[in-house]
Protein backbone atom coordinates (compact mmCIF):
# COMPACT_ATOMS: atom_id res chain seq x y z
CA MET A 1 -29.01 4.87 34.08
CA ILE A 2 -25.30 4.40 33.35
CA LYS A 3 -22.94 5.23 36.18
CA GLU A 4 -20.18 7.80 35.61
CA LYS A 5 -17.54 5.12 36.28
CA ASP A 6 -19.06 2.89 33.59
CA LYS A 7 -19.13 5.78 31.10
CA THR A 8 -15.44 6.46 31.67
CA LYS A 9 -14.64 2.75 31.32
CA ASN A 10 -16.56 2.59 28.04
CA ILE A 11 -14.85 5.69 26.67
CA LEU A 12 -11.44 4.18 27.46
CA LYS A 13 -12.40 0.93 25.70
CA ILE A 14 -13.46 2.86 22.60
CA LEU A 15 -10.27 4.94 22.72
CA LYS A 16 -8.22 1.71 22.62
CA GLU A 17 -9.91 0.84 19.32
CA ILE A 18 -9.35 4.34 17.94
CA ILE A 19 -5.69 4.40 19.00
CA LEU A 20 -4.98 1.18 17.12
CA ILE A 21 -6.43 2.65 13.93
CA LEU A 22 -4.50 5.89 14.45
CA LEU A 23 -1.32 3.83 14.85
CA MET A 24 -2.07 2.08 11.58
CA ILE A 25 -2.56 5.46 9.88
CA VAL A 26 0.71 6.84 11.30
CA LEU A 27 2.56 3.83 9.88
CA ILE A 28 1.64 5.02 6.37
CA VAL A 29 4.16 7.86 6.75
CA PHE A 30 6.98 5.57 7.84
CA ILE A 31 6.46 2.46 5.71
CA LYS A 32 6.60 3.45 2.05
CA ASN A 33 6.37 -0.08 0.63
CA ASP A 34 2.69 -0.92 0.19
CA TYR A 35 3.28 -4.67 0.40
CA LEU A 36 5.25 -4.37 3.62
CA LEU A 37 2.65 -2.01 5.10
CA SER A 38 -0.14 -4.42 4.16
CA GLY A 39 1.77 -7.22 5.88
CA VAL A 40 2.24 -5.09 8.99
CA TYR A 41 -1.50 -4.32 8.96
CA PHE A 42 -2.31 -8.03 8.82
CA VAL A 43 0.05 -8.69 11.74
CA VAL A 44 -1.59 -5.87 13.74
CA ILE A 45 -5.04 -7.30 12.98
CA ILE A 46 -4.01 -10.87 13.90
CA VAL A 47 -2.45 -9.70 17.17
CA SER A 48 -5.55 -7.63 17.89
CA PHE A 49 -7.74 -10.70 17.30
CA LEU A 50 -5.49 -12.86 19.48
CA ILE A 51 -5.72 -10.34 22.32
CA LYS A 52 -9.44 -9.85 21.98
CA TYR A 53 -11.77 -11.58 19.57
CA GLU A 54 -15.46 -10.78 19.60
CA LYS A 55 -18.19 -12.71 17.88
CA LYS A 56 -18.32 -11.94 14.14
CA ASP A 57 -15.09 -9.87 14.10
CA LEU A 58 -13.77 -11.93 11.18
CA LEU A 59 -17.06 -11.56 9.30
CA PHE A 60 -16.91 -7.77 9.70
CA LEU A 61 -13.26 -7.75 8.61
CA ILE A 62 -13.99 -9.71 5.43
CA PHE A 63 -17.15 -7.71 4.71
CA GLY A 64 -15.25 -4.44 5.19
CA LEU A 65 -12.41 -5.63 2.97
CA ILE A 66 -14.73 -6.57 0.11
CA ILE A 67 -17.09 -3.59 0.38
CA MET A 68 -14.36 -0.97 0.81
CA THR A 69 -12.32 -2.38 -2.07
CA ILE A 70 -15.38 -2.04 -4.31
CA PHE A 71 -16.30 1.46 -3.06
CA GLU A 72 -12.72 2.78 -3.18
CA TYR A 73 -12.50 1.46 -6.74
CA ILE A 74 -15.70 3.33 -7.64
CA PHE A 75 -14.52 6.53 -5.90
CA ILE A 76 -11.24 6.45 -7.78
CA LYS A 77 -12.77 5.59 -11.16
CA THR A 78 -15.27 8.46 -10.82
CA GLY A 79 -12.51 10.91 -9.85
CA VAL A 80 -13.71 11.45 -6.27
CA GLU A 81 -10.34 10.21 -4.95
CA THR A 82 -6.85 9.87 -6.37
CA PHE A 83 -3.77 8.17 -4.98
CA ASN A 84 -0.08 8.38 -5.80
CA ARG A 85 0.43 4.89 -4.40
CA ASN A 86 -1.36 2.44 -6.69
CA SER A 87 -0.27 -1.11 -5.85
CA LEU A 88 -3.83 -2.54 -5.98
CA PHE A 89 -5.45 -2.70 -9.44
CA GLY A 90 -3.02 0.05 -10.48
CA ILE A 91 -5.23 2.68 -8.86
CA MET A 92 -5.08 2.50 -5.05
CA PRO A 93 -2.72 1.43 -2.29
CA LEU A 94 -2.96 -2.25 -1.36
CA TRP A 95 -3.16 -1.41 2.34
CA LEU A 96 -6.17 0.93 2.03
CA PRO A 97 -8.98 -1.67 2.00
CA ILE A 98 -7.19 -3.55 4.80
CA LEU A 99 -7.19 -0.42 6.95
CA TRP A 100 -10.87 0.16 6.18
CA ALA A 101 -11.65 -3.48 6.94
CA TYR A 102 -10.20 -3.17 10.43
CA ALA A 103 -12.09 0.10 10.87
CA PHE A 104 -15.29 -1.90 10.31
CA VAL A 105 -14.26 -4.20 13.16
CA ALA A 106 -13.42 -1.24 15.42
CA ILE A 107 -16.76 0.42 14.68
CA LYS A 108 -18.60 -2.83 15.47
CA ARG A 109 -16.69 -3.14 18.73
CA ALA A 110 -17.44 0.48 19.66
CA ILE A 111 -21.13 -0.06 19.01
CA ASN A 112 -21.06 -3.17 21.20
CA ILE A 113 -19.40 -1.17 23.99
CA LEU A 114 -22.08 1.50 23.76
CA LYS A 115 -24.94 -1.02 23.97
């Protein structure tokens, strides 16, 4: 049985992952240049990995980047989503798959915390 102290500790660890993603989302409002925002996202991800790198984080990042680029492309081409910012393939923001890719890493980390 998990102790209450351990539960609280785990929740705080997961919140750290969520807060980083929320910060990345908030930056969308303030950084209008998609290329600059993508660069900032890469810096955030690199710093995050330097602070804490777990086994297979890079694999999840690359997998998320590839998969979410493909799925976002399909969603947009089928009319499920539309974007005003279209710096990637002329249909979506360049930063979007990068944000999703880091979300894959954060989800993996959260699952590892919950194990």
